[in-house]
Amino acid sequence: MKIELTEQQFRYLLDLVYIGNWVMNSTRENDRIKEYDQVESLVFSHCLQHKMRKLVELYQGELIPSRAFADGGIHEVIESYEDIAFYEILAEEMALRDLDGLPLTAENYGTLMERIDRYMADFNQHGTDHISVELDE
């Protein structure tokens, strides 16, 4: 297979491949899905031919994204996504909890969405400062 990209498109592809492998493998510790690491290595190996040598480095015989790449802002993008996803999931779970176990229906969907919006507004203004958890002892 051959894919033709501009230099800028290739640079965007590097970000996408890195983020994808991060999602797939970052929490797996020693149980990484090697096929994703191999694809990442293959894609990043093309940096050597495209004047992007500083974005790749050799580690234990494998080409991987370099420290310069990883430190170049990509983790801020990942963290921003994680923050948004965290608050959205939390707002939805809390709104569902507020329905007192009722199944989600067309009739209560509007109520659920209003609750989610209210939680999101509070999270946007206060973060987690207004959340408390009572632990059973």
Protein backbone atom coordinates (compact mmCIF):
# COMPACT_ATOMS: atom_id res chain seq x y z
CA MET A 1 0.00 0.00 0.00
CA LYS A 2 1.21 3.47 -0.79
CA ILE A 3 -0.18 6.64 0.70
CA GLU A 4 0.89 10.04 -0.54
CA LEU A 5 0.87 12.90 1.93
CA THR A 6 2.23 16.40 2.01
CA GLU A 7 4.91 17.08 4.62
CA GLN A 8 2.30 18.84 6.77
CA GLN A 9 -0.16 15.95 6.44
CA PHE A 10 2.60 13.53 7.41
CA ARG A 11 3.33 15.63 10.49
CA TYR A 12 -0.36 15.49 11.44
CA LEU A 13 -0.30 11.74 10.88
CA LEU A 14 2.55 11.44 13.38
CA ASP A 15 0.38 13.14 16.01
CA LEU A 16 -2.56 10.87 15.23
CA VAL A 17 -0.46 7.70 15.34
CA TYR A 18 1.17 8.74 18.62
CA ILE A 19 -2.15 9.61 20.25
CA GLY A 20 -3.72 6.38 19.00
CA ASN A 21 -0.91 4.25 20.38
CA TRP A 22 -1.02 6.23 23.62
CA VAL A 23 -4.72 5.41 24.03
CA MET A 24 -4.15 1.75 23.18
CA ASN A 25 -1.02 1.11 25.24
CA SER A 26 -0.27 3.80 27.84
CA THR A 27 -2.12 2.02 30.65
CA ARG A 28 -1.06 -1.53 29.72
CA GLU A 29 2.40 -1.47 31.38
CA ASN A 30 4.08 -4.80 30.43
CA ASP A 31 1.06 -6.05 28.47
CA ARG A 32 1.41 -3.64 25.53
CA ILE A 33 -0.19 -4.50 22.22
CA LYS A 34 2.99 -4.88 20.20
CA GLU A 35 1.28 -4.53 16.83
CA TYR A 36 0.38 -0.91 17.65
CA ASP A 37 3.95 -0.22 18.76
CA GLN A 38 5.19 -1.71 15.48
CA VAL A 39 2.89 0.47 13.37
CA GLU A 40 3.97 3.52 15.35
CA SER A 41 7.61 2.60 14.79
CA LEU A 42 7.03 2.06 11.07
CA VAL A 43 5.27 5.39 10.60
CA PHE A 44 7.85 7.28 12.66
CA SER A 45 10.69 5.63 10.71
CA HIS A 46 9.68 7.79 7.74
CA CYS A 47 10.78 10.85 9.72
CA LEU A 48 14.34 9.96 8.72
CA GLN A 49 13.51 10.60 5.03
CA HIS A 50 11.47 13.76 5.58
CA LYS A 51 13.83 16.12 7.42
CA MET A 52 12.09 15.27 10.71
CA ARG A 53 14.95 13.29 12.20
CA LYS A 54 14.57 15.04 15.59
CA LEU A 55 11.09 13.48 16.00
CA VAL A 56 12.38 9.89 16.15
CA GLU A 57 15.04 8.06 18.16
CA LEU A 58 16.38 4.55 18.47
CA TYR A 59 15.46 2.73 21.69
CA GLN A 60 16.31 -0.93 22.29
CA GLY A 61 16.59 -1.50 18.55
CA GLU A 62 13.24 0.14 17.74
CA LEU A 63 12.52 3.53 16.25
CA ILE A 64 10.17 5.40 18.57
CA PRO A 65 8.89 8.95 18.91
CA SER A 66 11.71 11.02 20.36
CA ARG A 67 11.70 12.90 23.63
CA ALA A 68 11.58 16.09 21.55
CA PHE A 69 8.35 14.88 19.93
CA ALA A 70 6.79 13.75 23.22
CA ASP A 71 7.77 17.01 24.93
CA GLY A 72 6.58 19.15 22.01
CA GLY A 73 3.03 19.66 23.24
CA ILE A 74 1.33 16.41 22.28
CA HIS A 75 0.76 15.45 25.92
CA GLU A 76 -0.98 18.75 26.58
CA VAL A 77 -3.43 17.79 23.82
CA ILE A 78 -3.94 14.35 25.40
CA GLU A 79 -4.39 15.87 28.87
CA SER A 80 -6.92 18.38 27.57
CA TYR A 81 -8.93 15.57 26.01
CA GLU A 82 -8.71 13.50 29.20
CA ASP A 83 -9.93 16.44 31.30
CA ILE A 84 -12.90 17.07 29.04
CA ALA A 85 -13.77 13.38 28.87
CA PHE A 86 -13.48 13.07 32.67
CA TYR A 87 -15.89 15.94 33.33
CA GLU A 88 -18.34 14.83 30.64
CA ILE A 89 -18.45 11.27 31.96
CA LEU A 90 -18.73 12.47 35.55
CA ALA A 91 -21.56 14.88 34.66
CA GLU A 92 -23.45 12.14 32.83
CA GLU A 93 -22.99 9.61 35.63
CA MET A 94 -24.12 12.10 38.25
CA ALA A 95 -27.12 13.13 36.15
CA LEU A 96 -28.08 9.48 35.67
CA ARG A 97 -27.73 8.96 39.41
CA ASP A 98 -30.10 11.90 39.92
CA LEU A 99 -32.76 10.00 37.96
CA ASP A 100 -32.92 7.62 40.93
CA GLY A 101 -32.36 4.51 38.86
CA LEU A 102 -35.05 5.26 36.30
CA PRO A 103 -34.19 3.96 32.84
CA LEU A 104 -33.37 6.62 30.29
CA THR A 105 -36.39 7.28 28.10
CA ALA A 106 -37.46 9.85 25.53
CA GLU A 107 -39.57 11.46 28.26
CA ASN A 108 -36.74 12.02 30.74
CA TYR A 109 -33.96 12.64 28.21
CA GLY A 110 -34.46 16.42 28.39
CA THR A 111 -34.24 16.32 32.18
CA LEU A 112 -31.03 14.29 31.95
CA MET A 113 -29.49 16.74 29.49
CA GLU A 114 -30.44 19.71 31.69
CA ARG A 115 -28.74 18.04 34.67
CA ILE A 116 -25.65 17.28 32.61
CA ASP A 117 -25.49 20.92 31.46
CA ARG A 118 -25.83 22.15 35.05
CA TYR A 119 -23.06 19.84 36.24
CA MET A 120 -20.83 20.87 33.33
CA ALA A 121 -21.40 24.55 34.09
CA ASP A 122 -20.39 23.97 37.70
CA PHE A 123 -17.32 21.94 36.69
CA ASN A 124 -16.30 24.67 34.24
CA GLN A 125 -16.51 27.25 36.99
CA HIS A 126 -15.26 25.27 40.01
CA GLY A 127 -13.58 22.09 38.77
CA THR A 128 -14.09 19.39 41.38
CA ASP A 129 -14.22 21.79 44.34
CA HIS A 130 -17.96 21.21 44.90
CA ILE A 131 -17.77 17.42 44.76
CA SER A 132 -17.70 15.44 47.97
CA VAL A 133 -17.71 11.70 48.53
CA GLU A 134 -18.91 9.96 51.64
CA LEU A 135 -17.01 6.74 52.19
CA ASP A 136 -18.56 3.84 54.07
CA GLU A 137 -16.49 2.76 57.00
